[in-house]
N, C-alpha and C. Protein backbone atom coordinates (compact mmCIF):
# COMPACT_ATOMS: atom_id res chain seq x y z
N UNK A 1 0.85 -1.17 0.00
CA UNK A 1 0.00 0.00 0.00
C UNK A 1 0.90 1.24 0.00
N UNK A 2 0.50 2.21 -0.75
CA UNK A 2 1.27 3.44 -0.89
C UNK A 2 0.72 4.49 0.08
N UNK A 3 1.59 5.13 0.85
CA UNK A 3 1.18 6.16 1.79
C UNK A 3 1.22 7.52 1.09
N UNK A 4 0.20 8.30 1.34
CA UNK A 4 0.11 9.63 0.75
C UNK A 4 0.39 10.64 1.85
N UNK A 5 1.30 11.53 1.61
CA UNK A 5 1.65 12.56 2.59
C UNK A 5 1.35 13.93 2.00
N UNK A 6 0.92 14.83 2.84
CA UNK A 6 0.64 16.19 2.40
C UNK A 6 1.95 16.92 2.16
N UNK A 7 2.04 17.56 1.03
CA UNK A 7 3.26 18.30 0.69
C UNK A 7 3.16 19.77 1.07
N UNK A 8 1.97 20.18 1.51
CA UNK A 8 1.76 21.58 1.86
C UNK A 8 1.41 21.69 3.33
N UNK A 9 1.52 22.92 3.86
CA UNK A 9 1.11 23.16 5.23
C UNK A 9 -0.40 23.06 5.35
N UNK A 10 -0.85 22.86 6.53
CA UNK A 10 -2.28 22.82 6.79
C UNK A 10 -2.88 24.17 6.41
N UNK A 11 -4.08 24.15 5.83
CA UNK A 11 -4.71 25.38 5.35
C UNK A 11 -4.96 26.34 6.51
N UNK A 12 -5.50 25.84 7.59
CA UNK A 12 -5.77 26.67 8.75
C UNK A 12 -4.92 26.16 9.91
N UNK A 13 -3.75 26.71 10.07
CA UNK A 13 -2.89 26.22 11.15
C UNK A 13 -3.49 26.54 12.51
N UNK A 14 -3.23 25.67 13.47
CA UNK A 14 -3.73 25.88 14.82
C UNK A 14 -2.99 27.05 15.44
N UNK A 15 -3.73 27.89 16.09
CA UNK A 15 -3.14 29.06 16.72
C UNK A 15 -3.66 29.17 18.14
N UNK A 16 -2.82 29.61 19.03
CA UNK A 16 -3.27 29.82 20.41
C UNK A 16 -4.23 31.00 20.50
N UNK A 17 -4.29 31.83 19.47
CA UNK A 17 -5.15 33.00 19.48
C UNK A 17 -6.60 32.70 19.16
N UNK A 18 -6.98 31.44 19.01
CA UNK A 18 -8.36 31.11 18.66
C UNK A 18 -9.30 31.22 19.86
N UNK A 19 -8.78 31.11 21.04
CA UNK A 19 -9.61 31.23 22.23
C UNK A 19 -9.83 32.70 22.55
N UNK A 20 -11.00 33.04 23.12
CA UNK A 20 -11.24 34.44 23.47
C UNK A 20 -10.31 34.87 24.61
N UNK A 21 -9.92 36.10 24.56
CA UNK A 21 -9.04 36.65 25.60
C UNK A 21 -9.86 36.92 26.86
N UNK A 22 -9.16 37.20 27.94
CA UNK A 22 -9.86 37.52 29.19
C UNK A 22 -10.70 38.78 29.04
N UNK A 23 -10.20 39.75 28.29
CA UNK A 23 -10.96 40.98 28.07
C UNK A 23 -12.25 40.71 27.29
N UNK A 24 -12.15 39.83 26.29
CA UNK A 24 -13.35 39.49 25.51
C UNK A 24 -14.36 38.72 26.37
N UNK A 25 -13.87 37.83 27.20
CA UNK A 25 -14.78 37.10 28.10
C UNK A 25 -15.44 38.04 29.10
N UNK A 26 -14.70 39.02 29.59
CA UNK A 26 -15.27 40.00 30.50
C UNK A 26 -16.35 40.84 29.81
N UNK A 27 -16.10 41.19 28.55
CA UNK A 27 -17.09 41.97 27.79
C UNK A 27 -18.36 41.14 27.56
N UNK A 28 -18.20 39.87 27.27
CA UNK A 28 -19.36 38.99 27.09
C UNK A 28 -20.15 38.88 28.39
N UNK A 29 -19.43 38.70 29.48
CA UNK A 29 -20.09 38.57 30.78
C UNK A 29 -20.82 39.86 31.16
N UNK A 30 -20.24 41.00 30.83
CA UNK A 30 -20.88 42.28 31.14
C UNK A 30 -22.13 42.49 30.30
N UNK A 31 -22.16 41.95 29.10
CA UNK A 31 -23.29 42.13 28.20
C UNK A 31 -24.38 41.07 28.40
N UNK A 32 -24.09 40.03 29.17
CA UNK A 32 -25.03 38.93 29.33
C UNK A 32 -26.39 39.33 29.89
N UNK A 33 -26.51 40.23 30.88
CA UNK A 33 -27.84 40.62 31.35
C UNK A 33 -28.71 41.22 30.24
N UNK A 34 -28.11 41.98 29.35
CA UNK A 34 -28.86 42.56 28.23
C UNK A 34 -29.34 41.46 27.29
N UNK A 35 -28.46 40.52 27.00
CA UNK A 35 -28.81 39.42 26.10
C UNK A 35 -29.95 38.60 26.69
N UNK A 36 -29.86 38.28 27.97
CA UNK A 36 -30.91 37.47 28.61
C UNK A 36 -32.25 38.21 28.64
N UNK A 37 -32.21 39.51 28.89
CA UNK A 37 -33.45 40.29 28.89
C UNK A 37 -34.06 40.34 27.49
N UNK A 38 -33.21 40.47 26.46
CA UNK A 38 -33.73 40.49 25.09
C UNK A 38 -34.30 39.14 24.68
N UNK A 39 -33.70 38.06 25.16
CA UNK A 39 -34.23 36.72 24.88
C UNK A 39 -35.60 36.56 25.53
N UNK A 40 -35.74 37.06 26.75
CA UNK A 40 -37.03 36.98 27.44
C UNK A 40 -38.11 37.76 26.68
N UNK A 41 -37.77 38.94 26.18
CA UNK A 41 -38.71 39.73 25.40
C UNK A 41 -39.06 39.00 24.10
N UNK A 42 -38.07 38.43 23.46
CA UNK A 42 -38.31 37.70 22.22
C UNK A 42 -39.21 36.49 22.47
N UNK A 43 -39.01 35.79 23.57
CA UNK A 43 -39.88 34.66 23.91
C UNK A 43 -41.33 35.12 24.09
N UNK A 44 -41.50 36.25 24.75
CA UNK A 44 -42.85 36.77 24.96
C UNK A 44 -43.50 37.15 23.63
N UNK A 45 -42.72 37.67 22.71
CA UNK A 45 -43.28 38.06 21.41
C UNK A 45 -43.55 36.84 20.52
N UNK A 46 -42.73 35.81 20.63
CA UNK A 46 -42.93 34.60 19.82
C UNK A 46 -44.23 33.92 20.19
N UNK A 47 -44.58 33.96 21.47
CA UNK A 47 -45.83 33.34 21.91
C UNK A 47 -47.02 33.94 21.17
N UNK A 48 -46.93 35.20 20.80
CA UNK A 48 -48.05 35.90 20.18
C UNK A 48 -48.13 35.69 18.67
N UNK A 49 -47.23 34.93 18.10
CA UNK A 49 -47.26 34.74 16.65
C UNK A 49 -48.48 33.95 16.19
N UNK A 50 -48.99 33.07 17.02
CA UNK A 50 -50.10 32.22 16.58
C UNK A 50 -51.39 32.43 17.36
N UNK A 51 -51.45 33.47 18.17
CA UNK A 51 -52.69 33.75 18.91
C UNK A 51 -52.77 35.23 19.24
N UNK A 52 -53.96 35.71 19.47
CA UNK A 52 -54.11 37.12 19.85
C UNK A 52 -53.61 37.35 21.28
N UNK A 53 -53.19 38.55 21.55
CA UNK A 53 -52.65 38.90 22.86
C UNK A 53 -53.75 39.04 23.89
N UNK A 54 -53.53 38.46 25.04
CA UNK A 54 -54.46 38.63 26.15
C UNK A 54 -53.89 39.71 27.08
N UNK A 55 -54.63 40.04 28.11
CA UNK A 55 -54.16 41.02 29.09
C UNK A 55 -52.87 40.52 29.74
N UNK A 56 -52.82 39.23 30.05
CA UNK A 56 -51.62 38.64 30.64
C UNK A 56 -50.42 38.77 29.70
N UNK A 57 -50.63 38.50 28.42
CA UNK A 57 -49.54 38.61 27.44
C UNK A 57 -49.04 40.04 27.33
N UNK A 58 -49.95 40.98 27.35
CA UNK A 58 -49.55 42.39 27.26
C UNK A 58 -48.70 42.79 28.46
N UNK A 59 -49.08 42.34 29.66
CA UNK A 59 -48.29 42.63 30.85
C UNK A 59 -46.92 41.97 30.78
N UNK A 60 -46.90 40.73 30.28
CA UNK A 60 -45.62 40.01 30.16
C UNK A 60 -44.67 40.74 29.20
N UNK A 61 -45.21 41.24 28.11
CA UNK A 61 -44.38 41.97 27.14
C UNK A 61 -43.90 43.29 27.73
N UNK A 62 -44.78 44.00 28.44
CA UNK A 62 -44.37 45.26 29.06
C UNK A 62 -43.26 45.04 30.09
N UNK A 63 -43.42 43.99 30.91
CA UNK A 63 -42.39 43.69 31.91
C UNK A 63 -41.07 43.31 31.24
N UNK A 64 -41.14 42.49 30.19
CA UNK A 64 -39.92 42.08 29.49
C UNK A 64 -39.25 43.27 28.82
N UNK A 65 -40.06 44.15 28.23
CA UNK A 65 -39.50 45.35 27.60
C UNK A 65 -38.84 46.24 28.66
N UNK A 66 -39.47 46.35 29.81
CA UNK A 66 -38.89 47.14 30.90
C UNK A 66 -37.57 46.54 31.36
N UNK A 67 -37.49 45.21 31.43
CA UNK A 67 -36.23 44.56 31.82
C UNK A 67 -35.13 44.82 30.80
N UNK A 68 -35.48 44.84 29.52
CA UNK A 68 -34.49 45.14 28.49
C UNK A 68 -33.97 46.56 28.67
N UNK A 69 -34.86 47.50 28.86
CA UNK A 69 -34.45 48.89 29.03
C UNK A 69 -33.58 49.06 30.28
N UNK A 70 -33.95 48.38 31.37
CA UNK A 70 -33.18 48.46 32.61
C UNK A 70 -31.80 47.85 32.42
N UNK A 71 -31.73 46.71 31.74
CA UNK A 71 -30.43 46.06 31.52
C UNK A 71 -29.54 46.92 30.63
N UNK A 72 -30.13 47.54 29.60
CA UNK A 72 -29.34 48.42 28.73
C UNK A 72 -28.85 49.65 29.49
N UNK A 73 -29.72 50.22 30.33
CA UNK A 73 -29.31 51.38 31.13
C UNK A 73 -28.17 51.02 32.07
N UNK A 74 -28.30 49.87 32.75
CA UNK A 74 -27.25 49.44 33.67
C UNK A 74 -25.94 49.18 32.93
N UNK A 75 -26.02 48.58 31.76
CA UNK A 75 -24.81 48.32 30.97
C UNK A 75 -24.16 49.62 30.53
N UNK A 76 -24.98 50.59 30.11
CA UNK A 76 -24.44 51.88 29.70
C UNK A 76 -23.80 52.61 30.88
N UNK A 77 -24.43 52.52 32.04
CA UNK A 77 -23.87 53.17 33.23
C UNK A 77 -22.55 52.52 33.64
N UNK A 78 -22.47 51.19 33.53
CA UNK A 78 -21.21 50.50 33.85
C UNK A 78 -20.12 50.89 32.86
N UNK A 79 -20.50 51.02 31.59
CA UNK A 79 -19.51 51.36 30.57
C UNK A 79 -18.97 52.77 30.79
N UNK A 80 -19.83 53.71 31.16
CA UNK A 80 -19.36 55.08 31.35
C UNK A 80 -18.61 55.22 32.67
N UNK A 81 -18.96 54.41 33.66
CA UNK A 81 -18.25 54.51 34.96
C UNK A 81 -16.87 53.90 34.88
N UNK A 82 -16.62 53.02 33.92
CA UNK A 82 -15.29 52.41 33.80
C UNK A 82 -14.35 53.23 32.96
N UNK A 83 -14.87 54.23 32.24
CA UNK A 83 -14.00 55.09 31.43
C UNK A 83 -13.27 56.05 32.34
N UNK A 84 -12.06 56.35 31.94
CA UNK A 84 -11.25 57.29 32.70
C UNK A 84 -11.71 58.71 32.38
N UNK A 85 -11.91 59.56 33.38
CA UNK A 85 -12.31 60.94 33.10
C UNK A 85 -11.27 61.62 32.22
N UNK A 86 -11.75 62.36 31.25
CA UNK A 86 -10.85 63.04 30.33
C UNK A 86 -10.50 62.20 29.12
N UNK A 87 -10.94 60.93 29.12
CA UNK A 87 -10.67 60.02 28.00
C UNK A 87 -11.83 60.14 27.03
N UNK A 88 -11.71 61.01 26.06
CA UNK A 88 -12.79 61.25 25.10
C UNK A 88 -12.93 60.07 24.16
N UNK A 89 -14.18 59.74 23.85
CA UNK A 89 -14.44 58.62 22.94
C UNK A 89 -14.43 59.10 21.51
């Protein structure tokens, strides 16, 4: 049997840089409350795709929307509080 060997380098060489850095993981963790609140709102809206909204559904959507706004506000406040004063964006 004849063995076949690759004469070229691997197309996508393995790199240690493929894993997210600590800074990227911290950014993901900081954004997670916003993502979870948006998923909750999306779930509430998906329920209404095949039926009319009831009073309960309307309250659920309002609460979910409020959670999204609160999570975004908190994320924005954290982002501005971590900036160094005088560091213009």
